[in-house]
Amino acid sequence: MKFIVSSSALLKQLQLINGVINSNTVLPILEDFLFEIDKNRLNVVATDLETVMKIQMDIEAKDSGRVCIPAKIMMDSLKNLPDQPLTFNIDKNFGVEITSDNGKYKVMGENPDNFPKEPAPDDANSFEMNSSALVTAISKTIFAVSSDDLRPAMSGVFFELDPKSFTAVATDAHRLVKYKRKDVECAKTDSFVVPKKPLSLLKNALPDNDDVLNISYNQNHLFVSHGNMQLTCRLIDARFPDYKVVIPAENPYRMTVNRTEFQNALRRISIFSNKSTNQVALNITGSLLQLTAQDVDFSFEGNERMNCRYDGEDLQIAFNAKFMVEMLGSTSSEEIRVELSTPTKAGIMKPVEEDENEELLMLVMPLMLNQ
């Protein structure tokens, strides 16, 4: 079996799916790419058993066949080759010989029959959405996903489908991010939890444009296809907590601040905070916001003040500055509105300016004030 392909085109496509492969896998075959040649079409598949990514590209070939090629050596060699046609010759024992303009390289492939089969989209429901809508939904929520293995439901992003909208929610019990799109129509009301890893891969592989994605799902898997790339992943089989009960119905105090100034002030002040809590206290009086942090163990202390617009009673409340900085970084709004109530109730942050089809709500739990 023989085929010819451009080295740079192959590298570009393999880079999209290489992130699926784990370095410390239990099955050696999972360290390989599966190459499937069907006349002038090449399919390459990568899997870690939970997530499968596949790309298709045009090549020059007269016959069909399959072979597994170790991913690391394939990637390392392609990165170091200049753009040129490569000829792949595969013998009946799965030995792979790659010929370039100036050299010849040999790799021992593996039997493709041992490569795991990808799940079939049986009984799948499907809907469409813009690539940029999904990329934005992932970007605005993925940082709030829990890394606690004991809470599997919170180790992914909760997708909530509705005939008139699409909502993505992530929480780690200390903060919660809810991002809603009103320009996505789903066939029916449904919900499922998608793991963090495939979402990260999608965020990197999908373009931030208006290309239409075909998304389908069944009880166990999610299927996303864009052009010549497909991703399949196993859904998290756990019940996502009822996030609606956590969001306060009424936070009467409103503080509006410049997002960039607030984010930079939090970054500076958090340097002087306790490294395990990252606690920064906000003291709001009238139109003045005072930020304070201290680390008693090292006698560190930092204070800053900035202007704000505030409607409410004077309030002192503490938050994890690291969480707030990440949340502020997930929106591009010039100003941010912080809705507050008492020092023990969750604070809500919302962008002042946002697209008419978008709704972003970020909730952060307060910390006990250091007295």
Protein backbone atom coordinates (compact mmCIF):
# COMPACT_ATOMS: atom_id res chain seq x y z
CA MET A 1 0.00 0.00 0.00
CA LYS A 2 1.33 3.40 -0.97
CA PHE A 3 0.18 7.03 -0.75
CA ILE A 4 1.62 10.53 -1.25
CA VAL A 5 0.76 13.50 0.99
CA SER A 6 2.07 17.02 1.67
CA SER A 7 4.14 17.07 4.88
CA SER A 8 2.83 20.47 6.06
CA ALA A 9 -0.81 19.60 5.30
CA LEU A 10 -0.49 16.31 7.19
CA LEU A 11 1.18 18.03 10.16
CA LYS A 12 -1.54 20.70 10.33
CA GLN A 13 -4.29 18.06 10.43
CA LEU A 14 -2.52 15.79 12.93
CA GLN A 15 -1.96 18.75 15.28
CA LEU A 16 -5.75 19.08 15.55
CA ILE A 17 -6.15 15.56 16.95
CA ASN A 18 -2.79 14.88 18.64
CA GLY A 19 -4.08 16.28 21.97
CA VAL A 20 -6.39 13.28 22.37
CA ILE A 21 -3.45 10.93 22.93
CA ASN A 22 -2.31 10.44 26.54
CA SER A 23 1.41 9.99 27.19
CA ASN A 24 0.94 7.37 29.94
CA THR A 25 -1.65 5.09 28.43
CA VAL A 26 -2.28 1.50 29.50
CA LEU A 27 -2.68 0.17 25.94
CA PRO A 28 0.31 0.76 23.60
CA ILE A 29 -2.05 0.95 20.58
CA LEU A 30 -3.57 4.14 22.07
CA GLU A 31 -0.23 5.88 21.44
CA ASP A 32 -0.84 5.46 17.69
CA PHE A 33 -2.72 7.25 14.95
CA LEU A 34 -4.94 4.98 12.86
CA PHE A 35 -4.38 5.76 9.16
CA GLU A 36 -7.22 4.60 6.88
CA ILE A 37 -6.61 5.03 3.15
CA ASP A 38 -9.56 4.80 0.79
CA LYS A 39 -8.43 5.68 -2.75
CA ASN A 40 -7.62 9.44 -2.70
CA ARG A 41 -8.95 9.99 0.82
CA LEU A 42 -7.06 9.63 4.11
CA ASN A 43 -8.80 9.31 7.49
CA VAL A 44 -6.65 9.63 10.61
CA VAL A 45 -8.10 8.67 14.02
CA ALA A 46 -6.79 9.27 17.55
CA THR A 47 -8.45 8.00 20.74
CA ASP A 48 -7.95 7.61 24.49
CA LEU A 49 -11.04 5.31 24.72
CA GLU A 50 -13.15 8.20 26.14
CA THR A 51 -12.63 10.69 23.29
CA VAL A 52 -12.19 9.99 19.57
CA MET A 53 -11.05 12.61 17.03
CA LYS A 54 -10.93 12.01 13.32
CA ILE A 55 -9.77 14.12 10.36
CA GLN A 56 -10.10 13.55 6.60
CA MET A 57 -7.80 14.89 3.92
CA ASP A 58 -7.09 14.41 0.22
CA ILE A 59 -4.01 12.39 -0.80
CA GLU A 60 -2.66 10.60 -3.85
CA ALA A 61 -3.30 6.87 -3.61
CA LYS A 62 -4.41 4.08 -5.92
CA ASP A 63 -5.41 1.47 -3.35
CA SER A 64 -6.99 1.18 0.11
CA GLY A 65 -5.70 -0.05 3.45
CA ARG A 66 -5.17 0.62 7.15
CA VAL A 67 -2.19 0.90 9.49
CA CYS A 68 -1.43 2.23 12.99
CA ILE A 69 1.60 4.54 13.23
CA PRO A 70 3.15 5.72 16.55
CA ALA A 71 1.98 9.32 17.07
CA LYS A 72 5.04 10.77 18.80
CA ILE A 73 7.60 9.81 16.16
CA MET A 74 5.16 10.84 13.42
CA MET A 75 4.66 14.30 14.96
CA ASP A 76 8.34 14.84 15.78
CA SER A 77 9.47 13.96 12.26
CA LEU A 78 6.81 16.08 10.52
CA LYS A 79 7.69 19.12 12.67
CA ASN A 80 11.28 18.91 11.48
CA LEU A 81 10.61 18.35 7.79
CA PRO A 82 10.29 21.28 5.37
CA ASP A 83 7.12 21.47 3.27
CA GLN A 84 7.38 18.74 0.59
CA PRO A 85 5.54 15.67 -0.72
CA LEU A 86 6.07 12.53 1.39
CA THR A 87 5.61 9.02 0.03
CA PHE A 88 4.37 6.39 2.51
CA ASN A 89 4.97 2.72 1.66
CA ILE A 90 3.35 0.17 4.00
CA ASP A 91 4.25 -3.52 3.72
CA LYS A 92 2.13 -6.51 4.76
CA ASN A 93 3.82 -6.65 8.20
CA PHE A 94 2.82 -2.99 8.85
CA GLY A 95 6.35 -1.68 8.35
CA VAL A 96 6.12 1.99 7.26
CA GLU A 97 8.73 3.57 5.00
CA ILE A 98 8.51 7.34 4.53
CA THR A 99 10.43 8.86 1.61
CA SER A 100 11.12 12.61 1.39
CA ASP A 101 13.14 14.65 -1.14
CA ASN A 102 16.38 14.00 0.74
CA GLY A 103 15.83 11.00 2.95
CA LYS A 104 14.16 7.76 3.85
CA TYR A 105 12.74 6.93 7.30
CA LYS A 106 11.41 3.64 8.66
CA VAL A 107 8.87 3.13 11.44
CA MET A 108 7.28 -0.11 12.66
CA GLY A 109 3.52 0.25 12.54
CA GLU A 110 0.93 -1.92 14.28
CA ASN A 111 -2.02 -4.06 13.27
CA PRO A 112 -5.04 -1.75 12.77
CA ASP A 113 -7.43 -4.53 13.85
CA ASN A 114 -6.29 -3.91 17.44
CA PHE A 115 -7.30 -0.24 17.33
CA PRO A 116 -10.48 0.49 19.36
CA LYS A 117 -13.66 0.92 17.32
CA GLU A 118 -15.36 4.30 17.51
CA PRO A 119 -18.91 4.55 18.92
CA ALA A 120 -21.78 4.75 16.43
CA PRO A 121 -24.29 7.62 16.66
CA ASP A 122 -27.31 5.34 17.28
CA ASP A 123 -30.61 6.97 18.37
CA ALA A 124 -28.92 10.37 18.22
CA ASN A 125 -30.69 13.72 18.49
CA SER A 126 -29.06 16.55 16.57
CA PHE A 127 -28.98 20.34 16.33
CA GLU A 128 -26.83 22.99 14.70
CA MET A 129 -24.97 25.99 16.06
CA ASN A 130 -22.28 28.38 14.88
CA SER A 131 -18.69 27.39 15.60
CA SER A 132 -18.03 30.73 17.35
CA ALA A 133 -21.07 30.18 19.62
CA LEU A 134 -19.71 26.85 20.86
CA VAL A 135 -16.12 28.14 21.17
CA THR A 136 -17.38 31.12 23.20
CA ALA A 137 -19.56 28.90 25.42
CA ILE A 138 -16.56 26.67 26.17
CA SER A 139 -14.17 29.61 26.78
CA LYS A 140 -16.55 31.32 29.20
CA THR A 141 -17.24 28.22 31.32
CA ILE A 142 -14.38 25.70 31.18
CA PHE A 143 -12.16 27.49 33.74
CA ALA A 144 -14.86 26.99 36.43
CA VAL A 145 -15.00 23.18 36.01
CA SER A 146 -14.16 21.22 39.17
CA SER A 147 -10.96 19.15 39.34
CA ASP A 148 -12.33 17.09 42.24
CA ASP A 149 -12.55 13.43 41.15
CA LEU A 150 -15.05 12.74 43.94
CA ARG A 151 -17.57 15.00 42.20
CA PRO A 152 -17.70 13.56 38.66
CA ALA A 153 -20.80 15.56 37.63
CA MET A 154 -18.94 18.81 38.25
CA SER A 155 -15.83 17.71 36.30
CA GLY A 156 -17.48 18.77 33.03
CA VAL A 157 -19.67 21.48 31.53
CA PHE A 158 -23.44 21.04 31.79
CA PHE A 159 -25.19 21.59 28.44
CA GLU A 160 -28.86 22.54 28.77
CA LEU A 161 -30.83 22.45 25.51
CA ASP A 162 -34.10 24.19 24.82
CA PRO A 163 -36.11 24.80 21.60
CA LYS A 164 -35.19 28.50 21.86
CA SER A 165 -31.78 28.52 23.56
CA PHE A 166 -28.57 26.74 24.52
CA THR A 167 -27.04 27.13 28.01
CA ALA A 168 -23.62 26.01 29.30
CA VAL A 169 -22.99 25.86 33.06
CA ALA A 170 -19.84 25.01 35.03
CA THR A 171 -19.21 25.02 38.77
CA ASP A 172 -16.65 23.80 41.30
CA ALA A 173 -18.87 24.63 44.33
CA HIS A 174 -16.90 27.86 44.98
CA ARG A 175 -17.96 29.65 41.79
CA LEU A 176 -20.45 29.11 39.01
CA VAL A 177 -20.59 30.39 35.43
CA LYS A 178 -23.74 30.27 33.31
CA TYR A 179 -23.61 31.26 29.65
CA LYS A 180 -26.79 31.33 27.58
CA ARG A 181 -27.21 31.71 23.80
CA LYS A 182 -30.61 32.74 22.45
CA ASP A 183 -29.65 32.27 18.78
CA VAL A 184 -29.43 28.46 18.97
CA GLU A 185 -32.49 26.28 18.40
CA CYS A 186 -32.43 22.72 19.71
CA ALA A 187 -34.93 20.08 18.65
CA LYS A 188 -36.09 19.41 22.21
CA THR A 189 -35.47 20.16 25.87
CA ASP A 190 -32.56 18.02 27.07
CA SER A 191 -29.37 18.12 29.14
CA PHE A 192 -26.05 16.29 29.56
CA VAL A 193 -22.56 16.81 31.02
CA VAL A 194 -19.54 16.99 28.67
CA PRO A 195 -16.04 16.25 30.11
CA LYS A 196 -13.39 18.97 30.19
CA LYS A 197 -10.79 17.32 27.92
CA PRO A 198 -12.89 17.02 24.71
CA LEU A 199 -14.15 20.58 25.25
CA SER A 200 -10.55 21.86 25.43
CA LEU A 201 -9.76 19.96 22.22
CA LEU A 202 -12.80 21.47 20.48
CA LYS A 203 -11.89 24.97 21.65
CA ASN A 204 -8.46 24.60 20.03
CA ALA A 205 -9.62 22.80 16.87
CA LEU A 206 -12.71 24.83 15.93
CA PRO A 207 -12.54 28.21 14.17
CA ASP A 208 -14.03 31.27 15.88
CA ASN A 209 -16.32 32.06 12.96
CA ASP A 210 -19.85 31.49 11.64
CA ASP A 211 -19.20 27.99 10.24
CA VAL A 212 -22.15 25.74 11.10
CA LEU A 213 -21.42 22.74 13.35
CA ASN A 214 -23.50 19.60 13.33
CA ILE A 215 -23.89 18.41 16.92
CA SER A 216 -25.64 15.21 17.88
CA TYR A 217 -25.88 13.20 21.08
CA ASN A 218 -27.40 10.05 22.51
CA GLN A 219 -27.53 8.65 26.02
CA ASN A 220 -23.78 7.97 26.21
CA HIS A 221 -21.95 10.09 23.62
CA LEU A 222 -21.65 13.53 22.05
CA PHE A 223 -20.74 13.87 18.34
CA VAL A 224 -19.47 17.14 16.85
CA SER A 225 -18.52 17.53 13.20
CA HIS A 226 -17.01 20.50 11.37
CA GLY A 227 -15.82 20.19 7.78
CA ASN A 228 -13.27 17.36 7.68
CA MET A 229 -12.98 17.01 11.50
CA GLN A 230 -15.16 14.94 13.83
CA LEU A 231 -15.04 14.50 17.60
CA THR A 232 -16.86 11.89 19.63
CA CYS A 233 -16.72 11.77 23.42
CA ARG A 234 -18.31 9.80 26.21
CA LEU A 235 -20.67 11.89 28.35
CA ILE A 236 -20.31 11.99 32.14
CA ASP A 237 -22.83 9.58 33.64
CA ALA A 238 -23.74 11.64 36.70
CA ARG A 239 -26.46 14.08 37.70
CA PHE A 240 -25.40 17.73 37.57
CA PRO A 241 -26.42 19.64 40.73
CA ASP A 242 -29.46 21.93 40.51
CA TYR A 243 -27.53 25.12 39.87
CA LYS A 244 -30.64 27.33 39.83
CA VAL A 245 -31.11 27.02 43.62
CA VAL A 246 -27.60 28.44 44.21
CA ILE A 247 -28.21 31.67 42.27
CA PRO A 248 -29.65 34.30 44.67
CA ALA A 249 -33.08 35.52 43.60
CA GLU A 250 -32.41 39.02 44.91
CA ASN A 251 -29.09 40.76 45.42
CA PRO A 252 -30.24 44.36 46.03
CA TYR A 253 -26.87 46.17 46.11
CA ARG A 254 -25.30 47.10 42.77
CA MET A 255 -21.69 48.10 42.19
CA THR A 256 -20.45 49.04 38.71
CA VAL A 257 -16.71 49.22 38.04
CA ASN A 258 -14.31 49.39 35.11
CA ARG A 259 -13.51 45.73 34.38
CA THR A 260 -9.82 46.16 33.47
CA GLU A 261 -9.07 48.47 36.43
CA PHE A 262 -10.83 46.12 38.84
CA GLN A 263 -9.05 43.05 37.43
CA ASN A 264 -5.61 44.72 37.61
CA ALA A 265 -6.25 45.96 41.17
CA LEU A 266 -7.23 42.42 42.25
CA ARG A 267 -4.07 41.02 40.62
CA ARG A 268 -1.84 43.51 42.47
CA ILE A 269 -3.53 43.14 45.84
CA SER A 270 -3.70 39.32 45.72
CA ILE A 271 0.12 39.22 45.75
CA PHE A 272 -0.12 40.18 49.44
CA SER A 273 -2.94 37.74 50.26
CA ASN A 274 -2.78 34.37 51.99
CA LYS A 275 -1.63 31.89 49.32
CA SER A 276 -4.12 29.18 50.32
CA THR A 277 -7.24 31.39 50.29
CA ASN A 278 -6.25 34.30 47.96
CA GLN A 279 -8.60 36.35 50.13
CA VAL A 280 -9.18 39.99 49.20
CA ALA A 281 -11.68 42.08 51.19
CA LEU A 282 -13.84 44.63 49.36
CA ASN A 283 -14.95 47.57 51.48
CA ILE A 284 -17.57 49.61 49.63
CA THR A 285 -18.61 53.01 50.96
CA GLY A 286 -20.44 55.39 48.66
CA SER A 287 -18.49 55.70 45.41
CA LEU A 288 -15.24 54.35 46.91
CA LEU A 289 -14.09 50.73 46.69
CA GLN A 290 -11.23 49.76 49.01
CA LEU A 291 -9.40 46.46 48.35
CA THR A 292 -7.41 44.90 51.21
CA ALA A 293 -5.35 41.73 51.47
CA GLN A 294 -3.04 40.41 54.14
CA ASP A 295 -0.99 37.35 54.97
CA VAL A 296 -0.55 37.34 58.75
CA ASP A 297 2.06 34.54 58.64
CA PHE A 298 4.48 36.71 56.65
CA SER A 299 3.26 40.16 57.76
CA PHE A 300 2.28 41.01 54.17
CA GLU A 301 -0.40 43.61 53.60
CA GLY A 302 -1.77 45.50 50.59
CA ASN A 303 -4.38 48.24 50.21
CA GLU A 304 -5.77 49.94 47.14
CA ARG A 305 -8.74 52.13 46.44
CA MET A 306 -10.63 52.84 43.26
CA ASN A 307 -13.78 54.63 42.17
CA CYS A 308 -17.04 52.78 41.58
CA ARG A 309 -20.72 53.48 41.16
CA TYR A 310 -22.60 51.90 44.05
CA ASP A 311 -26.24 51.70 44.99
CA GLY A 312 -26.65 50.09 48.42
CA GLU A 313 -25.63 50.12 52.06
CA ASP A 314 -21.95 50.24 53.05
CA LEU A 315 -20.60 46.70 52.81
CA GLN A 316 -17.47 44.70 53.56
CA ILE A 317 -17.21 41.31 51.84
CA ALA A 318 -14.28 39.01 50.97
CA PHE A 319 -13.71 36.84 47.89
CA ASN A 320 -11.03 34.61 46.38
CA ALA A 321 -9.17 37.10 44.14
CA LYS A 322 -7.86 34.34 41.81
CA PHE A 323 -11.44 33.26 41.04
CA MET A 324 -12.56 36.82 40.41
CA VAL A 325 -9.60 37.59 38.10
CA GLU A 326 -10.38 34.47 36.00
CA MET A 327 -14.05 35.41 35.79
CA LEU A 328 -13.31 38.99 34.79
CA GLY A 329 -10.98 37.66 32.10
CA SER A 330 -13.79 35.64 30.51
CA THR A 331 -15.69 38.75 29.36
CA SER A 332 -14.66 41.67 27.18
CA SER A 333 -17.22 44.13 28.55
CA GLU A 334 -15.69 47.50 29.47
CA GLU A 335 -17.68 47.66 32.69
CA ILE A 336 -18.82 44.93 35.06
CA ARG A 337 -21.78 44.98 37.43
CA VAL A 338 -21.37 43.24 40.80
CA GLU A 339 -24.62 42.37 42.58
CA LEU A 340 -24.27 41.91 46.34
CA SER A 341 -26.39 41.36 49.42
CA THR A 342 -24.70 40.45 52.73
CA PRO A 343 -21.11 39.36 53.58
CA THR A 344 -22.25 35.70 53.69
CA LYS A 345 -24.24 35.57 50.44
CA ALA A 346 -22.88 34.82 46.98
CA GLY A 347 -21.89 37.74 44.76
CA ILE A 348 -22.97 37.86 41.12
CA MET A 349 -20.97 39.47 38.31
CA LYS A 350 -22.50 40.41 34.95
CA PRO A 351 -21.05 42.29 31.99
CA VAL A 352 -22.72 45.68 31.48
CA GLU A 353 -22.38 45.44 27.68
CA GLU A 354 -23.15 42.15 25.94
CA ASP A 355 -24.57 40.89 22.66
CA GLU A 356 -28.37 40.69 22.48
CA ASN A 357 -28.15 36.92 21.95
CA GLU A 358 -25.87 36.32 24.93
CA GLU A 359 -26.39 36.19 28.68
CA LEU A 360 -23.45 35.69 31.03
CA LEU A 361 -23.82 35.24 34.78
CA MET A 362 -20.85 34.57 37.08
CA LEU A 363 -21.36 33.68 40.73
CA VAL A 364 -18.66 33.55 43.38
CA MET A 365 -19.05 32.41 47.01
CA PRO A 366 -17.76 34.79 49.68
CA LEU A 367 -14.98 33.94 52.16
CA MET A 368 -15.18 34.45 55.92
CA LEU A 369 -13.70 37.86 56.67
CA ASN A 370 -10.44 37.93 58.61
CA GLN A 371 -11.19 39.92 61.73
